């Protein structure tokens, strides 16, 4: 009886939600459907069945996101304008990147990603100015610069995707195949989740902490670009020529990004609980809630990614699990956050212990993400530094 009443309440809430949607909400959704159908008709010949399914599912997915978080609307519209403008400027010739002014200095993938890197560093600076000087203007500029970095970062990734097909149809692939590309993805995911929580909790004080880990990733990205010429688009190695990559990697990095966000919020929690910046940070309750929600979201996606990885391994290597170093450390990360959530939900874990645990979790996650590639080898050797 109670179960049926719960279902009934959920159905009423869903009906109420759809009733609250405005004409603009439905126009936005219709525009997404039209854009998906246009892309399918224009580029469907280059897609496999999986990619076509993803394209069609993207419309309801991003409609739902745009209904719940209005900022997604203008972000998608701006990305479409910038990416399609860049594609039009290329005109099917990759050498246009050095001949067209806006491509050379703004919209080619390398230019856009360099702008993204600079804007994230500037955003970090202004967030800290806002925090230390109690300046609402500084924090507001930090937020705007963070949004600008997200726009140019995603534009760079979309254009890089197109550029890979200009090199050759057999070269073209979604740009999530090497450390250079996934570090950009990490920056984008971490920043987007932070910006959502910034709006959700109406606080910008956490930007100073979260942007530190993004700036650290940017620093690695720039070093890796210069030392390894990593920005050059390379063909996929045979192990990555699978549609599993297109869902396993994004799910994995939603986990990495949200775990990193939770760890930086944990730093803020520990500082406030010890009396530092006490009057400049959100309440401990807010910090605790953001930390918990970030880990919960990350754990859900990391679990999905681990399952997908096992299925991919079975197809590629003939077994679901081989205790490869990358697999082993992924399991350690999963167990760490599973234990954190268990203690939170079953034992009421709160306070400094939870914060320290989340911070240590970032070290474990960083080793699984990067350390394994540096110090260990195995079936995932295509990701070595």
Protein backbone atom coordinates (compact mmCIF):
# COMPACT_ATOMS: atom_id res chain seq x y z
CA UNK A 1 0.00 0.00 0.00
CA UNK A 2 2.77 2.42 0.97
CA UNK A 3 4.70 1.54 -2.19
CA UNK A 4 1.70 2.32 -4.42
CA UNK A 5 1.20 5.65 -2.61
CA UNK A 6 4.84 6.51 -3.20
CA UNK A 7 4.46 5.77 -6.91
CA UNK A 8 1.33 7.88 -7.04
CA UNK A 9 3.08 10.85 -5.40
CA UNK A 10 5.99 10.52 -7.83
CA UNK A 11 3.59 10.50 -10.80
CA UNK A 12 1.85 13.61 -9.47
CA UNK A 13 5.18 15.37 -9.09
CA UNK A 14 6.11 14.48 -12.67
CA UNK A 15 2.78 15.79 -13.94
CA UNK A 16 3.25 18.96 -11.90
CA UNK A 17 6.72 19.44 -13.34
CA UNK A 18 5.50 19.21 -16.93
CA UNK A 19 2.66 21.62 -16.16
CA UNK A 20 5.21 24.16 -14.95
CA UNK A 21 7.05 24.12 -18.26
CA UNK A 22 6.62 27.31 -20.27
CA UNK A 23 6.26 27.83 -24.00
CA UNK A 24 9.96 28.73 -24.13
CA UNK A 25 10.79 25.40 -22.48
CA UNK A 26 9.00 23.51 -25.23
CA UNK A 27 10.51 25.70 -27.96
CA UNK A 28 13.95 24.89 -26.55
CA UNK A 29 13.17 21.16 -26.62
CA UNK A 30 11.78 21.39 -30.17
CA UNK A 31 14.92 23.22 -31.30
CA UNK A 32 17.07 20.40 -29.91
CA UNK A 33 15.01 17.78 -31.75
CA UNK A 34 15.27 19.78 -34.99
CA UNK A 35 19.03 20.16 -34.54
CA UNK A 36 19.43 16.41 -33.93
CA UNK A 37 17.45 15.54 -37.03
CA UNK A 38 19.43 18.06 -39.11
CA UNK A 39 22.73 16.62 -37.88
CA UNK A 40 21.47 13.11 -38.60
CA UNK A 41 20.52 13.99 -42.16
CA UNK A 42 23.73 15.95 -42.77
CA UNK A 43 26.33 13.76 -41.08
CA UNK A 44 24.52 10.43 -40.65
CA UNK A 45 26.60 8.85 -43.38
CA UNK A 46 29.69 9.18 -41.16
CA UNK A 47 28.02 7.59 -38.13
CA UNK A 48 27.48 4.03 -37.02
CA UNK A 49 24.21 2.86 -35.44
CA UNK A 50 25.48 3.60 -31.94
CA UNK A 51 26.39 7.19 -32.79
CA UNK A 52 23.01 7.77 -34.43
CA UNK A 53 21.26 6.48 -31.31
CA UNK A 54 23.35 8.79 -29.11
CA UNK A 55 22.53 11.74 -31.35
CA UNK A 56 18.79 11.07 -31.15
CA UNK A 57 18.91 10.52 -27.38
CA UNK A 58 20.87 13.76 -26.94
CA UNK A 59 17.76 15.86 -27.65
CA UNK A 60 15.61 14.62 -24.72
CA UNK A 61 18.67 14.42 -22.44
CA UNK A 62 19.74 18.03 -22.98
CA UNK A 63 16.11 19.18 -22.98
CA UNK A 64 15.76 17.71 -19.50
CA UNK A 65 19.03 19.35 -18.41
CA UNK A 66 17.95 22.70 -19.84
CA UNK A 67 14.58 22.48 -18.07
CA UNK A 68 16.28 21.89 -14.71
CA UNK A 69 19.30 24.16 -15.19
CA UNK A 70 18.56 27.13 -17.41
CA UNK A 71 22.22 27.97 -17.97
CA UNK A 72 22.55 24.86 -20.15
CA UNK A 73 20.34 26.54 -22.76
CA UNK A 74 22.54 29.48 -23.60
CA UNK A 75 25.64 27.30 -23.25
CA UNK A 76 24.42 24.90 -25.92
CA UNK A 77 23.27 27.71 -28.21
CA UNK A 78 26.63 29.46 -27.94
CA UNK A 79 28.56 26.22 -28.52
CA UNK A 80 26.48 25.52 -31.62
CA UNK A 81 27.15 28.99 -33.04
CA UNK A 82 30.90 28.88 -32.34
CA UNK A 83 31.47 25.29 -33.49
CA UNK A 84 29.40 25.64 -36.66
CA UNK A 85 31.12 28.95 -37.44
CA UNK A 86 34.49 27.26 -37.15
CA UNK A 87 33.37 24.39 -39.37
CA UNK A 88 32.14 26.86 -41.99
CA UNK A 89 35.48 28.71 -41.89
CA UNK A 90 37.41 25.50 -42.49
CA UNK A 91 35.42 24.80 -45.63
CA UNK A 92 36.70 21.25 -45.64
CA UNK A 93 40.40 22.25 -45.67
CA UNK A 94 42.49 21.81 -42.52
CA UNK A 95 45.12 24.35 -43.61
CA UNK A 96 42.54 27.12 -43.18
CA UNK A 97 43.47 27.02 -39.47
CA UNK A 98 46.58 29.06 -40.33
CA UNK A 99 44.91 31.34 -42.89
CA UNK A 100 41.66 32.48 -41.29
CA UNK A 101 42.11 35.04 -38.51
CA UNK A 102 39.36 33.75 -36.19
CA UNK A 103 40.44 30.16 -36.64
CA UNK A 104 44.10 30.93 -36.02
CA UNK A 105 43.57 33.05 -32.92
CA UNK A 106 40.30 31.82 -31.42
CA UNK A 107 38.31 28.93 -32.84
CA UNK A 108 40.73 26.25 -34.04
CA UNK A 109 40.93 23.50 -31.46
CA UNK A 110 44.41 24.39 -30.21
CA UNK A 111 43.62 28.12 -30.00
CA UNK A 112 40.34 27.56 -28.16
CA UNK A 113 41.96 25.15 -25.69
CA UNK A 114 44.80 27.60 -24.99
CA UNK A 115 42.20 30.31 -24.32
CA UNK A 116 40.40 27.87 -22.04
CA UNK A 117 43.62 27.28 -20.10
CA UNK A 118 44.32 31.00 -19.67
CA UNK A 119 40.75 31.74 -18.61
CA UNK A 120 40.72 29.00 -15.97
CA UNK A 121 43.90 30.41 -14.42
CA UNK A 122 42.45 33.95 -14.46
CA UNK A 123 39.22 32.61 -12.98
CA UNK A 124 41.16 31.04 -10.12
CA UNK A 125 42.92 34.35 -9.47
CA UNK A 126 39.70 36.36 -9.36
CA UNK A 127 37.92 33.81 -7.18
CA UNK A 128 40.75 34.12 -4.67
CA UNK A 129 40.68 37.92 -4.86
CA UNK A 130 36.97 37.74 -4.15
CA UNK A 131 37.48 35.38 -1.20
CA UNK A 132 40.43 37.13 0.44
CA UNK A 133 39.22 40.70 -0.13
CA UNK A 134 35.55 39.88 0.46
CA UNK A 135 34.94 41.29 -3.00
CA UNK A 136 31.68 40.30 -4.65
CA UNK A 137 32.98 41.81 -7.89
CA UNK A 138 36.09 39.64 -7.83
CA UNK A 139 34.06 36.47 -7.28
CA UNK A 140 31.57 37.47 -9.98
CA UNK A 141 34.42 38.01 -12.47
CA UNK A 142 35.85 34.63 -11.47
CA UNK A 143 32.49 32.99 -12.22
CA UNK A 144 32.17 34.70 -15.61
CA UNK A 145 35.72 33.76 -16.56
CA UNK A 146 35.01 30.15 -15.54
CA UNK A 147 31.96 30.11 -17.80
CA UNK A 148 34.02 31.60 -20.65
CA UNK A 149 36.64 28.87 -20.16
CA UNK A 150 33.93 26.20 -20.32
CA UNK A 151 32.56 27.67 -23.55
CA UNK A 152 35.95 27.78 -25.26
CA UNK A 153 36.99 24.38 -23.89
CA UNK A 154 33.93 22.63 -25.28
CA UNK A 155 34.23 24.58 -28.52
CA UNK A 156 37.82 23.38 -28.82
CA UNK A 157 36.77 19.77 -28.29
CA UNK A 158 33.96 19.98 -30.83
CA UNK A 159 36.23 21.58 -33.42
CA UNK A 160 38.98 19.05 -32.68
CA UNK A 161 36.46 16.30 -33.42
CA UNK A 162 35.77 17.86 -36.81
CA UNK A 163 39.49 18.44 -37.48
CA UNK A 164 40.20 14.75 -36.95
CA UNK A 165 37.85 13.91 -39.81
CA UNK A 166 39.51 16.53 -42.03
CA UNK A 167 42.80 14.67 -41.55
CA UNK A 168 41.10 11.51 -42.82
CA UNK A 169 37.82 9.62 -42.40
CA UNK A 170 39.74 6.72 -40.88
CA UNK A 171 41.47 9.10 -38.43
CA UNK A 172 38.34 10.86 -37.20
CA UNK A 173 37.22 10.07 -33.66
CA UNK A 174 35.62 11.62 -30.61
CA UNK A 175 38.36 13.55 -28.73
CA UNK A 176 38.56 11.47 -25.55
CA UNK A 177 41.27 9.02 -26.58
CA UNK A 178 44.50 10.19 -24.89
CA UNK A 179 45.76 12.05 -21.83
CA UNK A 180 45.69 15.43 -23.59
CA UNK A 181 42.04 15.07 -24.53
CA UNK A 182 40.83 13.55 -21.26
CA UNK A 183 42.54 16.26 -19.21
CA UNK A 184 40.48 18.80 -21.13
CA UNK A 185 37.40 16.67 -20.46
CA UNK A 186 38.30 16.55 -16.75
CA UNK A 187 38.55 20.35 -16.60
CA UNK A 188 35.20 20.78 -18.34
CA UNK A 189 33.31 18.29 -16.18
CA UNK A 190 34.75 19.58 -12.90
CA UNK A 191 34.00 23.18 -13.85
CA UNK A 192 30.44 22.45 -14.98
CA UNK A 193 29.56 20.56 -11.82
CA UNK A 194 31.05 23.34 -9.73
CA UNK A 195 29.12 26.03 -11.62
CA UNK A 196 25.92 24.05 -11.06
CA UNK A 197 26.52 23.90 -7.30
CA UNK A 198 27.55 27.58 -7.30
CA UNK A 199 24.15 28.48 -8.72
CA UNK A 200 22.25 25.89 -6.69
CA UNK A 201 23.64 27.10 -3.35
CA UNK A 202 24.00 30.79 -4.37
CA UNK A 203 27.63 30.93 -3.23
CA UNK A 204 30.83 31.74 -5.09
CA UNK A 205 33.26 31.27 -2.22
CA UNK A 206 33.99 27.67 -3.17
CA UNK A 207 35.31 28.67 -6.59
CA UNK A 208 38.67 29.63 -5.08
CA UNK A 209 39.17 26.01 -3.96
CA UNK A 210 37.64 24.06 -6.84
CA UNK A 211 39.43 26.12 -9.49
CA UNK A 212 42.75 25.23 -7.86
CA UNK A 213 42.44 21.61 -8.93
CA UNK A 214 41.31 22.68 -12.40
CA UNK A 215 44.30 25.04 -12.70
CA UNK A 216 46.57 22.19 -11.63
CA UNK A 217 45.10 20.08 -14.43
CA UNK A 218 45.64 22.98 -16.85
CA UNK A 219 49.27 23.19 -15.73
CA UNK A 220 49.77 19.49 -16.47
CA UNK A 221 47.96 19.89 -19.78
CA UNK A 222 50.26 22.72 -20.90
CA UNK A 223 53.38 20.83 -19.80
CA UNK A 224 52.19 17.70 -21.58
CA UNK A 225 51.41 19.69 -24.72
CA UNK A 226 54.87 21.27 -24.88
CA UNK A 227 56.96 18.27 -23.81
CA UNK A 228 55.13 15.58 -25.79
CA UNK A 229 53.60 17.56 -28.66
CA UNK A 230 50.34 16.11 -27.36
CA UNK A 231 48.02 18.53 -29.17
CA UNK A 232 48.64 16.76 -32.47
CA UNK A 233 45.70 14.59 -33.51
CA UNK A 234 46.76 10.96 -33.73
CA UNK A 235 44.96 7.88 -35.11
CA UNK A 236 43.27 5.67 -32.56
CA UNK A 237 45.30 2.72 -31.40
CA UNK A 238 43.53 -0.60 -32.14
CA UNK A 239 42.47 -1.10 -28.50
CA UNK A 240 40.48 2.16 -28.59
CA UNK A 241 38.72 1.55 -31.89
CA UNK A 242 35.52 0.59 -30.14
CA UNK A 243 32.20 2.25 -29.46
CA UNK A 244 32.65 1.29 -25.80
CA UNK A 245 35.22 4.09 -25.49
CA UNK A 246 32.56 6.72 -26.26
CA UNK A 247 30.55 5.87 -23.15
CA UNK A 248 33.14 4.37 -20.79
CA UNK A 249 35.51 7.36 -20.81
CA UNK A 250 32.92 10.15 -20.24
CA UNK A 251 31.28 8.19 -17.42
CA UNK A 252 34.71 7.63 -15.85
CA UNK A 253 35.58 11.31 -15.95
CA UNK A 254 32.30 12.43 -14.47
CA UNK A 255 33.44 10.31 -11.54
CA UNK A 256 36.95 11.79 -11.50
CA UNK A 257 35.66 15.34 -11.84
CA UNK A 258 33.11 15.12 -9.05
CA UNK A 259 35.54 13.31 -6.74
CA UNK A 260 38.03 16.15 -7.28
CA UNK A 261 35.31 18.72 -6.60
CA UNK A 262 34.35 16.96 -3.36
CA UNK A 263 37.97 16.91 -2.23
CA UNK A 264 38.40 20.66 -2.75
CA UNK A 265 35.15 21.33 -0.90
CA UNK A 266 36.59 19.13 1.86
CA UNK A 267 39.60 21.48 2.04
CA UNK A 268 37.22 24.41 2.55
CA UNK A 269 35.34 22.40 5.21
CA UNK A 270 38.53 21.63 7.13
CA UNK A 271 39.69 25.25 7.03
CA UNK A 272 36.35 26.56 8.26
CA UNK A 273 36.05 23.93 10.98
CA UNK A 274 39.47 25.00 12.29
CA UNK A 275 38.53 28.68 12.34
CA UNK A 276 40.24 29.80 9.11
CA UNK A 277 38.23 31.98 6.69
CA UNK A 278 35.33 31.21 8.99
CA UNK A 279 33.31 34.31 8.06
CA UNK A 280 34.00 34.00 4.33
CA UNK A 281 32.94 30.44 3.55
CA UNK A 282 29.47 28.87 3.40
CA UNK A 283 28.16 27.09 6.48
CA UNK A 284 29.55 23.68 7.40
CA UNK A 285 26.13 22.20 6.58
CA UNK A 286 26.30 23.54 3.02
CA UNK A 287 29.89 22.36 2.55
CA UNK A 288 28.98 18.92 3.89
CA UNK A 289 25.97 18.70 1.57
CA UNK A 290 27.95 19.68 -1.54
CA UNK A 291 30.68 17.18 -0.64
CA UNK A 292 28.14 14.37 -0.17
CA UNK A 293 26.20 15.11 -3.37
CA UNK A 294 29.37 15.35 -5.46
CA UNK A 295 30.62 11.99 -4.18
CA UNK A 296 27.20 10.37 -4.66
CA UNK A 297 27.00 11.53 -8.29
CA UNK A 298 30.60 10.56 -8.95
CA UNK A 299 30.18 7.12 -7.41
CA UNK A 300 27.10 6.40 -9.55
CA UNK A 301 28.90 7.30 -12.78
CA UNK A 302 32.14 5.61 -11.75
CA UNK A 303 30.19 2.42 -11.05
CA UNK A 304 28.62 2.60 -14.51
CA UNK A 305 32.04 3.26 -16.05
CA UNK A 306 33.57 0.26 -14.25
CA UNK A 307 30.81 -2.05 -15.51
CA UNK A 308 31.18 -0.69 -19.03
CA UNK A 309 34.93 -1.16 -18.79
CA UNK A 310 34.46 -4.82 -17.87
CA UNK A 311 32.18 -5.35 -20.85
CA UNK A 312 34.70 -3.61 -23.10
CA UNK A 313 37.51 -5.79 -21.70
CA UNK A 314 35.52 -8.94 -22.41
CA UNK A 315 35.14 -7.87 -26.03
CA UNK A 316 38.73 -6.67 -26.50
CA UNK A 317 40.74 -9.10 -24.37
CA UNK A 318 38.40 -12.05 -23.85
CA UNK A 319 37.78 -11.58 -20.13
CA UNK A 320 35.80 -9.24 -17.91
CA UNK A 321 38.60 -8.76 -15.38
CA UNK A 322 42.34 -9.42 -15.56
CA UNK A 323 43.71 -7.56 -12.50
CA UNK A 324 45.51 -5.17 -14.81
CA UNK A 325 47.00 -2.27 -12.72
CA UNK A 326 44.44 0.19 -14.11
CA UNK A 327 41.57 -2.18 -13.27
CA UNK A 328 42.96 -2.89 -9.82
CA UNK A 329 43.28 0.79 -8.94
CA UNK A 330 39.84 1.53 -10.36
CA UNK A 331 38.50 -1.09 -7.94
CA UNK A 332 40.41 0.57 -5.07
CA UNK A 333 38.83 3.93 -5.96
CA UNK A 334 35.40 2.33 -6.14
CA UNK A 335 35.81 0.58 -2.78
CA UNK A 336 37.05 3.79 -1.16
CA UNK A 337 34.00 5.82 -2.13
CA UNK A 338 31.63 2.88 -1.56
CA UNK A 339 32.92 2.75 2.01
CA UNK A 340 32.60 6.54 2.38
CA UNK A 341 28.97 6.46 1.24
CA UNK A 342 28.19 3.41 3.38
CA UNK A 343 29.56 5.14 6.48
CA UNK A 344 27.64 8.29 5.57
CA UNK A 345 24.30 6.60 5.00
CA UNK A 346 24.50 3.83 7.59
CA UNK A 347 26.58 5.41 10.36
CA UNK A 348 25.93 9.12 9.80
CA UNK A 349 29.54 9.97 8.88
CA UNK A 350 30.02 13.74 9.07
CA UNK A 351 32.54 16.35 10.07
CA UNK A 352 36.29 16.40 9.76
CA UNK A 353 36.64 12.63 9.39
CA UNK A 354 34.42 12.68 6.29
CA UNK A 355 36.32 15.68 4.91
CA UNK A 356 39.75 14.13 5.46
CA UNK A 357 38.51 10.90 3.88
CA UNK A 358 37.26 12.79 0.81
CA UNK A 359 40.61 14.57 0.55
CA UNK A 360 42.60 11.34 0.81
CA UNK A 361 40.22 9.92 -1.79
CA UNK A 362 41.51 12.51 -4.26
CA UNK A 363 45.06 11.20 -3.79
CA UNK A 364 43.88 7.64 -4.43
CA UNK A 365 41.90 8.79 -7.48
CA UNK A 366 44.83 10.79 -8.83
CA UNK A 367 47.09 7.76 -8.66
CA UNK A 368 44.46 5.63 -10.41
CA UNK A 369 44.00 8.31 -13.06
CA UNK A 370 47.61 9.39 -13.61
CA UNK A 371 50.02 7.51 -11.36
CA UNK A 372 49.26 4.13 -12.89
CA UNK A 373 50.10 5.55 -16.31
CA UNK A 374 53.41 6.91 -14.99
CA UNK A 375 54.69 4.06 -12.87
CA UNK A 376 52.90 0.86 -13.89
CA UNK A 377 52.28 -0.95 -17.15
CA UNK A 378 49.70 -3.40 -18.36
CA UNK A 379 46.90 -3.85 -20.83
CA UNK A 380 46.19 -0.10 -20.60
CA UNK A 381 49.72 0.76 -21.77
CA UNK A 382 48.34 2.98 -24.54
CA UNK A 383 47.74 5.57 -21.82
CA UNK A 384 51.35 5.78 -20.62
CA UNK A 385 53.09 9.11 -20.17
